[in-house]
Each structure stands twice: as C-alpha cells, then as structure tokens.
Amino acid sequence: MDFRLGTCPKGFLKVVWAARCRGFAAACVCVSLQVLLARTHAADPADKDGYRFNIGNMGERGPAAVVAVDQVVLPPKKGTLLKLSREPVPVVRGIAVRFEHVQAQALDELPAAVQALAKTARYQMQRVAFFAPGDPVPRLMAEEAVVRAPGEWLLKGVLLSDRPSETQCRLVWNKGEARLAFAKGKTLGLRDLLAARDAGN
C-alpha cells in the first residue's frame, strides 16, 4: 500500500486522465465530463489542482466539506460483441474529503458527485482520505471505499491517526452518530476521530 498516513504525494490533487483515447476524442471526453460535473455539483473544472466541489450546504456557515479528486481512470472501450467477463469500471482515485464542519450526513452527496465524474452508476473509489477541520493531514484513510447502502460505507485498507491500522471497517451514519465499526464489536465515533478544531459544533 503506497497511501500512507501523513504522506500526500506531490500530485495528490492533480487530475491525471488515463483514458486510452487521443486527439479530438480525448478532448470531447474531458470537455463533456467538465460540463456535467459543473452543472450537477458546482465543480471547478478549470482548477489545475483537480476537480473540487462542496458537499453539505449549511447555509451561512458554508459547506460541511470540500472534496478534491486527484484522478479519474476511465476504462478503454472494447470493440467486441461478446461480453464473456465483467467489464472494467471507472476508478475515481485520490478523494480528499476536507471537513469544514463534521457532518457525516454530507457524505450522502458524494456518490452522486463521483457518478458524475465516472459517467456511470458503477465505479470504484480508491484512496479516500478524511480531514478534520483545519488539519493539513488526514485522520482517516482507506485504500478503497464501497457504498453498501445510504449512510453505510465499507472501508478497506484503513489507516487511522494515532491508532493501529485495520483491514477493513464500516463507516455508518444512518443510525444516529456517525461511527466506525471494527471487528469484534469495537467502534469509534467519527467526530471523536476528527476532533476538535470544529469549534462551531
């Protein structure tokens, strides 16, 4: 695993397109994706550091979190009529969720934003990082995040600030306080993990 706590690669917030297309076709893909994301989630496609958008509108307090996406890898299109195996899905990689206010319910908006980037309902989220308000390094990172249901994600390859790593855990916020659920019944409140520069909460 090359996604380590406290280590943000130099290109962590830069979009690197790995679509296997060239010339005019590549330009069309990029322009279409930028327009779609801008319409649906107020992203800034002109930002050289990657795609950014807000989630969790809290009125005068601003967004609950600002999300930056490092890389979208679109699978190559295969010119075959036979589908003998599952087709590869887009990979949205390097998702940095920077909380301004720790409101886990804002994460409900993230799958739709990722779908807009991937241009399909099926996708993979890799290298997901969660930052506390005002913190320059993430407190929680996962090599992969899978949306199992509204308000419930499965995190794989988990790194935690000042705590042992975990093979996987569940992030659940649809049953009251947002918590990380580990093996053997252990839990950890997300607000406790991301405490406590959010003086407004």
Protein backbone atom coordinates (compact mmCIF):
# COMPACT_ATOMS: atom_id res chain seq x y z
CA MET A 1 0.00 0.00 0.00
CA ASP A 2 1.51 3.31 -1.07
CA PHE A 3 -1.11 5.54 0.57
CA ARG A 4 0.35 6.26 3.99
CA LEU A 5 -0.80 8.46 6.82
CA GLY A 6 0.76 11.89 6.72
CA THR A 7 2.19 11.35 3.23
CA CYS A 8 0.42 13.18 0.44
CA PRO A 9 2.07 12.63 -2.96
CA LYS A 10 3.00 15.76 -4.83
CA GLY A 11 0.33 15.10 -7.43
CA PHE A 12 -2.35 14.07 -4.91
CA LEU A 13 -4.77 16.80 -6.01
CA LYS A 14 -3.94 16.78 -9.75
CA VAL A 15 -6.27 15.13 -12.24
CA VAL A 16 -4.39 12.69 -14.48
CA TRP A 17 -6.57 11.27 -17.20
CA ALA A 18 -5.70 7.67 -18.10
CA ALA A 19 -8.37 7.21 -20.76
CA ARG A 20 -6.87 5.45 -23.77
CA CYS A 21 -8.01 7.86 -26.40
CA ARG A 22 -6.18 10.54 -28.34
CA GLY A 23 -6.70 13.76 -30.22
CA PHE A 24 -10.23 15.04 -30.71
CA ALA A 25 -11.87 12.10 -28.92
CA ALA A 26 -9.89 12.78 -25.75
CA ALA A 27 -10.82 16.46 -25.84
CA CYS A 28 -14.52 15.60 -26.19
CA VAL A 29 -14.41 13.25 -23.20
CA CYS A 30 -12.72 15.84 -20.99
CA VAL A 31 -15.00 18.73 -22.02
CA SER A 32 -18.18 16.67 -21.61
CA LEU A 33 -17.13 15.50 -18.16
CA GLN A 34 -16.27 19.01 -17.05
CA VAL A 35 -19.64 20.38 -18.16
CA LEU A 36 -21.57 17.57 -16.48
CA LEU A 37 -19.77 17.93 -13.16
CA ALA A 38 -20.06 21.71 -13.19
CA ARG A 39 -23.82 21.51 -13.70
CA THR A 40 -24.50 18.93 -11.03
CA HIS A 41 -22.07 19.67 -8.22
CA ALA A 42 -20.62 23.15 -8.83
CA ALA A 43 -17.17 21.72 -9.51
CA ASP A 44 -14.34 23.87 -10.77
CA PRO A 45 -13.05 22.12 -13.91
CA ALA A 46 -10.56 24.92 -14.55
CA ASP A 47 -8.78 24.26 -11.28
CA LYS A 48 -5.31 22.95 -12.15
CA ASP A 49 -5.14 21.02 -8.87
CA GLY A 50 -8.04 18.79 -9.88
CA TYR A 51 -11.79 18.68 -9.53
CA ARG A 52 -13.24 20.30 -6.44
CA PHE A 53 -16.80 20.59 -5.19
CA ASN A 54 -18.67 21.22 -1.97
CA ILE A 55 -20.99 18.85 -0.12
CA GLY A 56 -23.41 19.53 2.73
CA ASN A 57 -24.71 23.06 2.28
CA MET A 58 -25.07 24.59 5.75
CA GLY A 59 -26.37 27.98 4.69
CA GLU A 60 -24.42 30.91 6.10
CA ARG A 61 -21.92 28.50 7.67
CA GLY A 62 -20.86 27.32 4.23
CA PRO A 63 -20.33 23.71 3.12
CA ALA A 64 -19.85 20.84 5.53
CA ALA A 65 -16.90 19.66 3.46
CA VAL A 66 -14.84 20.46 0.38
CA VAL A 67 -13.94 17.47 -1.78
CA ALA A 68 -10.97 17.25 -4.14
CA VAL A 69 -10.50 14.41 -6.63
CA ASP A 70 -7.00 13.55 -7.79
CA GLN A 71 -7.56 11.15 -10.68
CA VAL A 72 -10.27 9.57 -12.81
CA VAL A 73 -9.26 6.49 -14.77
CA LEU A 74 -11.72 5.58 -17.50
CA PRO A 75 -11.53 2.00 -18.81
CA PRO A 76 -10.77 1.53 -22.52
CA LYS A 77 -13.71 0.69 -24.73
CA LYS A 78 -13.54 -2.78 -26.21
CA GLY A 79 -14.75 -3.36 -29.74
CA THR A 80 -16.29 -6.77 -29.18
CA LEU A 81 -19.86 -8.01 -29.25
CA LEU A 82 -19.22 -10.78 -26.74
CA LYS A 83 -19.25 -9.95 -23.02
CA LEU A 84 -17.65 -13.03 -21.51
CA SER A 85 -16.47 -11.26 -18.36
CA ARG A 86 -17.42 -8.25 -16.26
CA GLU A 87 -16.48 -5.02 -17.95
CA PRO A 88 -13.95 -2.85 -16.11
CA VAL A 89 -15.39 0.14 -14.30
CA PRO A 90 -14.03 3.68 -13.94
CA VAL A 91 -11.76 4.27 -10.96
CA VAL A 92 -12.04 7.56 -9.08
CA ARG A 93 -8.82 7.80 -7.10
CA GLY A 94 -7.45 10.22 -4.53
CA ILE A 95 -10.66 11.56 -2.96
CA ALA A 96 -9.84 14.08 -0.23
CA VAL A 97 -12.81 15.00 1.98
CA ARG A 98 -11.85 18.11 3.95
CA PHE A 99 -14.49 18.77 6.58
CA GLU A 100 -15.26 22.37 7.46
CA HIS A 101 -17.88 21.11 9.93
CA VAL A 102 -18.05 17.46 10.94
CA GLN A 103 -21.41 16.49 9.48
CA ALA A 104 -21.25 12.94 8.20
CA GLN A 105 -24.65 13.27 6.52
CA ALA A 106 -22.93 15.40 3.89
CA LEU A 107 -21.26 12.22 2.64
CA ASP A 108 -24.65 11.18 1.23
CA GLU A 109 -23.97 13.63 -1.61
CA LEU A 110 -20.59 12.18 -2.53
CA PRO A 111 -21.72 9.10 -4.53
CA ALA A 112 -23.73 11.26 -6.95
CA ALA A 113 -20.72 13.52 -7.48
CA VAL A 114 -18.49 10.50 -8.13
CA GLN A 115 -21.04 9.13 -10.59
CA ALA A 116 -20.90 12.43 -12.47
CA LEU A 117 -17.13 12.09 -12.74
CA ALA A 118 -17.23 8.44 -13.75
CA LYS A 119 -20.21 8.94 -16.08
CA THR A 120 -21.70 5.66 -14.89
CA ALA A 121 -23.50 4.24 -11.88
CA ARG A 122 -20.76 1.63 -11.46
CA TYR A 123 -17.40 2.87 -10.26
CA GLN A 124 -14.63 2.30 -7.72
CA MET A 125 -13.49 4.81 -5.11
CA GLN A 126 -9.84 4.36 -4.19
CA ARG A 127 -7.52 6.21 -1.78
CA VAL A 128 -10.13 8.11 0.16
CA ALA A 129 -8.93 10.50 2.88
CA PHE A 130 -10.91 12.34 5.56
CA PHE A 131 -9.50 15.54 7.06
CA ALA A 132 -10.52 17.24 10.30
CA PRO A 133 -11.43 20.94 10.06
CA GLY A 134 -8.24 22.92 9.59
CA ASP A 135 -5.99 19.85 9.71
CA PRO A 136 -3.37 19.58 6.93
CA VAL A 137 -3.05 15.78 7.19
CA PRO A 138 -5.85 13.19 7.11
CA ARG A 139 -7.04 11.43 10.25
CA LEU A 140 -8.66 8.56 8.35
CA MET A 141 -7.66 6.96 5.06
CA ALA A 142 -8.88 3.94 3.14
CA GLU A 143 -7.40 2.23 0.11
CA GLU A 144 -10.96 1.59 -1.12
CA ALA A 145 -14.44 2.77 -0.14
CA VAL A 146 -17.59 0.88 -1.14
CA VAL A 147 -21.09 2.33 -0.73
CA ARG A 148 -23.14 -0.53 0.70
CA ALA A 149 -26.30 1.47 1.43
CA PRO A 150 -27.30 5.08 2.12
CA GLY A 151 -25.39 6.06 5.23
CA GLU A 152 -23.15 2.97 5.25
CA TRP A 153 -19.76 2.58 3.60
CA LEU A 154 -17.30 -0.29 3.75
CA LEU A 155 -13.72 0.94 4.06
CA LYS A 156 -10.86 -1.39 3.09
CA GLY A 157 -7.19 -1.00 3.93
CA VAL A 158 -7.83 1.50 6.71
CA LEU A 159 -5.24 3.80 8.28
CA LEU A 160 -6.16 5.80 11.40
CA SER A 161 -4.40 8.69 13.08
CA ASP A 162 -2.57 7.53 16.24
CA ARG A 163 -4.30 4.13 16.10
CA PRO A 164 -3.48 0.71 14.66
CA SER A 165 -4.39 0.10 11.03
CA GLU A 166 -7.37 -2.08 10.18
CA THR A 167 -8.02 -4.47 7.31
CA GLN A 168 -11.49 -3.05 6.95
CA CYS A 169 -14.30 -1.36 8.85
CA ARG A 170 -17.73 0.13 8.29
CA LEU A 171 -18.46 3.85 8.39
CA VAL A 172 -22.10 4.20 9.44
CA TRP A 173 -24.06 7.41 9.91
CA ASN A 174 -27.65 6.37 9.18
CA LYS A 175 -28.29 5.24 12.77
CA GLY A 176 -27.56 8.39 14.73
CA GLU A 177 -24.00 9.42 15.48
CA ALA A 178 -21.53 8.59 12.73
CA ARG A 179 -19.26 5.76 13.86
CA LEU A 180 -16.54 3.48 12.56
CA ALA A 181 -17.41 -0.15 13.31
CA PHE A 182 -14.47 -2.56 13.54
CA ALA A 183 -14.15 -6.29 14.11
CA LYS A 184 -15.11 -7.76 17.50
CA GLY A 185 -17.69 -5.05 18.10
CA LYS A 186 -15.27 -2.16 18.58
CA THR A 187 -16.49 1.27 17.45
CA LEU A 188 -15.10 4.78 17.23
CA GLY A 189 -17.08 7.97 16.76
CA LEU A 190 -16.18 9.87 13.61
CA ARG A 191 -16.48 13.16 15.48
CA ASP A 192 -14.06 11.88 18.12
CA LEU A 193 -11.57 10.89 15.43
CA LEU A 194 -11.86 14.25 13.67
CA ALA A 195 -11.91 16.36 16.85
CA ALA A 196 -11.64 19.11 17.59
CA ARG A 197 -10.94 22.22 15.61
CA ASP A 198 -14.61 22.48 14.70
CA ALA A 199 -15.49 24.94 17.42
CA GLY A 200 -18.87 25.63 15.89
CA ASN A 201 -20.22 22.15 16.70
